[in-house]
Amino acid sequence: MTEKLRYRLLTGVDDRKFCERISAALDDGYELYGSPAATFNGESVIVAQALVLTDGKASSD
């Protein structure tokens, strides 16, 4: 099993798939860190959300 990173930044188009990725990370023990960021690339809204793992099971790499 690969150890989890303490910090992750998920980015993508603001759609159901992105929300599912965030939900999966939350189910995996991550917590939201800060507010999401959003921008428009001329076609879609692109979002970013930082997540942190605070349970002490993170990799030191």
C-alpha atoms as a PDB file:
ATOM      1  CA  MET A   1       0.000   0.000   0.000  1.00  0.00           C
ATOM      2  CA  THR A   2       1.343   3.428  -0.930  1.00  0.00           C
ATOM      3  CA  GLU A   3       1.537   5.923   1.898  1.00  0.00           C
ATOM      4  CA  LYS A   4      -0.645   8.981   1.484  1.00  0.00           C
ATOM      5  CA  LEU A   5       0.789  12.454   0.970  1.00  0.00           C
ATOM      6  CA  ARG A   6      -0.048  15.012   3.658  1.00  0.00           C
ATOM      7  CA  TYR A   7      -1.000  17.631   1.049  1.00  0.00           C
ATOM      8  CA  ARG A   8      -2.844  17.333  -2.240  1.00  0.00           C
ATOM      9  CA  LEU A   9      -4.117  19.921  -4.689  1.00  0.00           C
ATOM     10  CA  LEU A  10      -6.889  18.622  -6.901  1.00  0.00           C
ATOM     11  CA  THR A  11      -7.722  20.575 -10.040  1.00  0.00           C
ATOM     12  CA  GLY A  12     -10.122  20.085 -12.898  1.00  0.00           C
ATOM     13  CA  VAL A  13     -13.263  21.134 -14.690  1.00  0.00           C
ATOM     14  CA  ASP A  14     -16.033  22.001 -12.243  1.00  0.00           C
ATOM     15  CA  ASP A  15     -18.235  18.989 -12.894  1.00  0.00           C
ATOM     16  CA  ARG A  16     -19.569  15.879 -11.194  1.00  0.00           C
ATOM     17  CA  LYS A  17     -16.293  13.987 -11.779  1.00  0.00           C
ATOM     18  CA  PHE A  18     -14.302  16.659  -9.928  1.00  0.00           C
ATOM     19  CA  CYS A  19     -16.793  16.596  -7.039  1.00  0.00           C
ATOM     20  CA  GLU A  20     -16.503  12.798  -6.921  1.00  0.00           C
ATOM     21  CA  ARG A  21     -12.704  13.108  -6.682  1.00  0.00           C
ATOM     22  CA  ILE A  22     -13.024  15.538  -3.781  1.00  0.00           C
ATOM     23  CA  SER A  23     -15.605  13.301  -2.089  1.00  0.00           C
ATOM     24  CA  ALA A  24     -13.320  10.265  -2.470  1.00  0.00           C
ATOM     25  CA  ALA A  25     -10.410  12.168  -0.904  1.00  0.00           C
ATOM     26  CA  LEU A  26     -12.628  13.203   2.008  1.00  0.00           C
ATOM     27  CA  ASP A  27     -13.712   9.567   2.451  1.00  0.00           C
ATOM     28  CA  ASP A  28     -10.016   8.645   2.434  1.00  0.00           C
ATOM     29  CA  GLY A  29      -9.305  10.845   5.462  1.00  0.00           C
ATOM     30  CA  TYR A  30      -8.351  14.148   3.838  1.00  0.00           C
ATOM     31  CA  GLU A  31      -9.803  17.460   5.007  1.00  0.00           C
ATOM     32  CA  LEU A  32     -10.458  20.556   2.919  1.00  0.00           C
ATOM     33  CA  TYR A  33      -7.759  23.182   3.356  1.00  0.00           C
ATOM     34  CA  GLY A  34      -8.775  26.732   2.578  1.00  0.00           C
ATOM     35  CA  SER A  35     -11.294  27.878   0.047  1.00  0.00           C
ATOM     36  CA  PRO A  36     -11.526  26.532  -3.485  1.00  0.00           C
ATOM     37  CA  ALA A  37     -10.153  28.619  -6.345  1.00  0.00           C
ATOM     38  CA  ALA A  38     -11.936  28.985  -9.679  1.00  0.00           C
ATOM     39  CA  THR A  39     -11.133  30.455 -13.074  1.00  0.00           C
ATOM     40  CA  PHE A  40     -12.681  30.393 -16.517  1.00  0.00           C
ATOM     41  CA  ASN A  41     -10.589  29.186 -19.460  1.00  0.00           C
ATOM     42  CA  GLY A  42     -12.958  30.422 -22.176  1.00  0.00           C
ATOM     43  CA  GLU A  43     -14.878  27.146 -22.263  1.00  0.00           C
ATOM     44  CA  SER A  44     -15.190  25.758 -18.743  1.00  0.00           C
ATOM     45  CA  VAL A  45     -14.845  26.738 -15.113  1.00  0.00           C
ATOM     46  CA  ILE A  46     -11.639  25.206 -13.753  1.00  0.00           C
ATOM     47  CA  VAL A  47     -11.444  24.675 -10.000  1.00  0.00           C
ATOM     48  CA  ALA A  48      -8.742  23.806  -7.499  1.00  0.00           C
ATOM     49  CA  GLN A  49      -9.075  22.578  -3.938  1.00  0.00           C
ATOM     50  CA  ALA A  50      -6.293  21.896  -1.465  1.00  0.00           C
ATOM     51  CA  LEU A  51      -6.657  18.948   0.899  1.00  0.00           C
ATOM     52  CA  VAL A  52      -4.565  17.900   3.892  1.00  0.00           C
ATOM     53  CA  LEU A  53      -4.190  14.678   5.802  1.00  0.00           C
ATOM     54  CA  THR A  54      -3.909  15.244   9.527  1.00  0.00           C
ATOM     55  CA  ASP A  55      -4.091  11.707  10.940  1.00  0.00           C
ATOM     56  CA  GLY A  56      -0.329  11.101  10.943  1.00  0.00           C
ATOM     57  CA  LYS A  57      -0.389   8.390   8.243  1.00  0.00           C
ATOM     58  CA  ALA A  58       1.284  10.482   5.559  1.00  0.00           C
ATOM     59  CA  SER A  59       4.494   9.739   3.735  1.00  0.00           C
ATOM     60  CA  SER A  60       7.532  11.883   4.525  1.00  0.00           C
ATOM     61  CA  ASP A  61       8.502  12.016   0.818  1.00  0.00           C
END
